Structures are given as structure tokens and as C-alpha cells.
Amino acid sequence: QVQLLESGGGLVQPGASLRLTCTISGRTVNNNMLGWFRQAPGKEREFVAVIDWVRARTAYADSVKGRFTISRINSLNTLYLRMNTLEPEDTAMYYCATRAKLTVELETSPSQYDYWGQGTQVTVAT
């Protein structure tokens, strides 16, 4: 059973940076697609970034492109999301997730992910 645990959220001012960490246990070679998603109050969960664990191919939502960077350290089974130039609109609960099946194409739909962490809150405010 794959388990994911997010950390690193907090309250920051606009323009600040944060790095979120997702620690993964029980991951197998089939769990090659790792993503970050977020959900603000009253809104649907949305895609933020995705990475192919083996090939390190990445994709980003347009709203975070150029500001956020997804990365991983294979040996530590750890996923990161570096967030720069944070805006109030980035305020949300952030989740990491993985699919149960080996996936070739970068998957951005939350409904296609099977395992989720409990989330870490990011609040951007003055």
C-alpha cells in the first residue's frame, strides 16, 4: 500500500517562497506518475504539477508555470514542489498523489490518481 505524507506548508506573505515535501512509502515501479494538486475552499481540486519518476519529464498548470518547480530524489523516495513568487491566489490545501498503474503520458486529471496524502495548507496573505 502506497502512503504519501506532505509537509512544508505555512503562512507566508505575497512574493515569498516555500518548498513542499512529499515523503512516499510503499512505492513500486508502477507508481511512476507523481503529481501535486491543490484545493481552495469552495473550489474543485486542480492540477498543479506532475513528474514522471523515471524519466523526470514534467508538466505544469499555466497558473504556476515559471514560478513552481516539481522535482524528486529517487534514493529518498521524496517529491518536492518549490514555489516561488507566491500569490494570494495560490492559497489552498496542497496534496501529492500517485497513480496505481504504470503510466506513459503525463496525467493531469485528479480523478486519475489513486493514492493521496492528507495535504498541507499554504496560505499567502499580508
Protein backbone atom coordinates (compact mmCIF):
# COMPACT_ATOMS: atom_id res chain seq x y z
CA GLN A 1 0.00 0.00 0.00
CA VAL A 2 1.41 3.35 -1.06
CA GLN A 3 1.39 6.08 1.55
CA LEU A 4 2.17 9.75 0.99
CA LEU A 5 2.81 12.44 3.58
CA GLU A 6 3.06 16.13 2.74
CA SER A 7 4.85 18.79 4.77
CA GLY A 8 6.24 22.28 4.38
CA GLY A 9 3.12 24.40 4.15
CA GLY A 10 2.59 27.58 6.10
CA LEU A 11 1.55 31.22 6.18
CA VAL A 12 3.68 33.50 4.02
CA GLN A 13 3.45 36.96 2.50
CA PRO A 14 2.97 37.58 -1.21
CA GLY A 15 6.22 37.22 -3.09
CA ALA A 16 7.67 34.70 -0.65
CA SER A 17 8.81 31.14 -1.38
CA LEU A 18 8.02 27.75 0.10
CA ARG A 19 9.14 24.20 -0.57
CA LEU A 20 6.65 21.41 -0.08
CA THR A 21 7.86 17.87 0.58
CA CYS A 22 6.03 14.60 -0.06
CA THR A 23 7.50 11.52 1.58
CA ILE A 24 6.45 8.30 -0.14
CA SER A 25 6.44 4.80 1.30
CA GLY A 26 5.49 1.55 -0.38
CA ARG A 27 6.08 2.94 -3.87
CA THR A 28 6.65 0.40 -6.66
CA VAL A 29 7.81 0.80 -10.25
CA ASN A 30 4.15 1.07 -11.28
CA ASN A 31 3.79 4.28 -9.29
CA ASN A 32 5.85 6.28 -11.77
CA MET A 33 3.48 9.24 -12.09
CA LEU A 34 3.62 11.68 -9.16
CA GLY A 35 1.60 14.87 -9.03
CA TRP A 36 0.87 17.91 -6.92
CA PHE A 37 -2.67 19.20 -6.72
CA ARG A 38 -4.40 21.91 -4.71
CA GLN A 39 -7.85 22.73 -3.48
CA ALA A 40 -9.05 26.11 -2.29
CA PRO A 41 -12.22 26.48 -0.17
CA GLY A 42 -15.32 26.20 -2.33
CA LYS A 43 -13.35 25.14 -5.40
CA GLU A 44 -12.60 21.85 -7.09
CA ARG A 45 -9.25 20.14 -6.70
CA GLU A 46 -6.95 21.27 -9.50
CA PHE A 47 -3.74 20.14 -11.12
CA VAL A 48 -0.53 21.96 -10.20
CA ALA A 49 2.42 19.88 -11.47
CA VAL A 50 3.33 16.32 -12.43
CA ILE A 51 6.56 14.37 -12.86
CA ASP A 52 7.45 11.05 -14.41
CA TRP A 53 9.55 9.50 -11.66
CA VAL A 54 11.84 7.59 -14.05
CA ARG A 55 12.30 9.99 -16.95
CA ALA A 56 11.84 13.21 -14.93
CA ARG A 57 9.51 14.66 -17.58
CA THR A 58 7.35 17.38 -16.06
CA ALA A 59 4.24 19.44 -16.75
CA TYR A 60 2.72 22.43 -15.00
CA ALA A 61 -0.55 24.26 -14.79
CA ASP A 62 -0.43 27.57 -16.67
CA SER A 63 -1.10 29.46 -13.44
CA VAL A 64 2.15 28.24 -11.83
CA LYS A 65 4.43 27.84 -14.85
CA GLY A 66 7.68 29.70 -14.32
CA ARG A 67 7.09 30.04 -10.56
CA PHE A 68 6.80 26.43 -9.33
CA THR A 69 9.22 23.54 -9.84
CA ILE A 70 8.48 19.86 -9.23
CA SER A 71 11.37 17.51 -8.55
CA ARG A 72 12.20 14.22 -6.84
CA ILE A 73 15.08 12.39 -5.20
CA ASN A 74 14.85 8.74 -6.15
CA SER A 75 17.02 7.39 -3.35
CA LEU A 76 14.93 9.16 -0.72
CA ASN A 77 11.55 8.41 -2.31
CA THR A 78 10.77 12.08 -1.87
CA LEU A 79 8.86 14.50 -4.06
CA TYR A 80 9.22 18.28 -3.85
CA LEU A 81 7.36 21.35 -5.01
CA ARG A 82 9.37 24.54 -4.94
CA MET A 83 7.05 27.54 -5.03
CA ASN A 84 8.44 31.00 -5.75
CA THR A 85 6.77 34.39 -6.01
CA LEU A 86 3.69 33.17 -4.19
CA GLU A 87 0.43 35.00 -4.75
CA PRO A 88 -2.76 35.13 -2.66
CA GLU A 89 -4.40 33.05 -5.39
CA ASP A 90 -2.02 30.19 -4.50
CA THR A 91 -3.72 29.81 -1.11
CA ALA A 92 -5.02 26.24 -0.89
CA MET A 93 -4.53 22.82 0.60
CA TYR A 94 -1.79 21.11 -1.39
CA TYR A 95 -1.79 17.37 -1.98
CA CYS A 96 0.64 14.92 -3.54
CA ALA A 97 -0.71 11.88 -5.32
CA THR A 98 0.30 8.91 -7.43
CA ARG A 99 -1.39 6.52 -9.81
CA ALA A 100 -1.64 2.79 -9.14
CA LYS A 101 -0.74 1.81 -12.70
CA LEU A 102 2.36 2.41 -14.77
CA THR A 103 1.65 5.45 -16.90
CA VAL A 104 3.37 6.66 -20.07
CA GLU A 105 1.73 10.03 -20.67
CA LEU A 106 1.87 12.79 -18.07
CA GLU A 107 -1.50 12.68 -16.33
CA THR A 108 -3.02 15.94 -15.06
CA SER A 109 -6.54 14.91 -14.06
CA PRO A 110 -7.05 14.44 -10.30
CA SER A 111 -9.64 11.72 -10.98
CA GLN A 112 -6.92 9.54 -12.49
CA TYR A 113 -4.89 9.38 -9.29
CA ASP A 114 -5.38 6.60 -6.79
CA TYR A 115 -3.28 7.39 -3.73
CA TRP A 116 -3.34 10.71 -1.93
CA GLY A 117 -1.67 12.31 1.04
CA GLN A 118 -3.63 14.22 3.69
CA GLY A 119 -2.46 17.62 2.44
CA THR A 120 -0.52 20.61 3.72
CA GLN A 121 -2.02 24.09 3.95
CA VAL A 122 -0.44 27.02 2.12
CA THR A 123 -1.75 30.48 2.92
CA VAL A 124 -0.45 33.57 1.15
CA ALA A 125 -1.58 36.79 2.80
CA THR A 126 -0.30 40.12 4.10
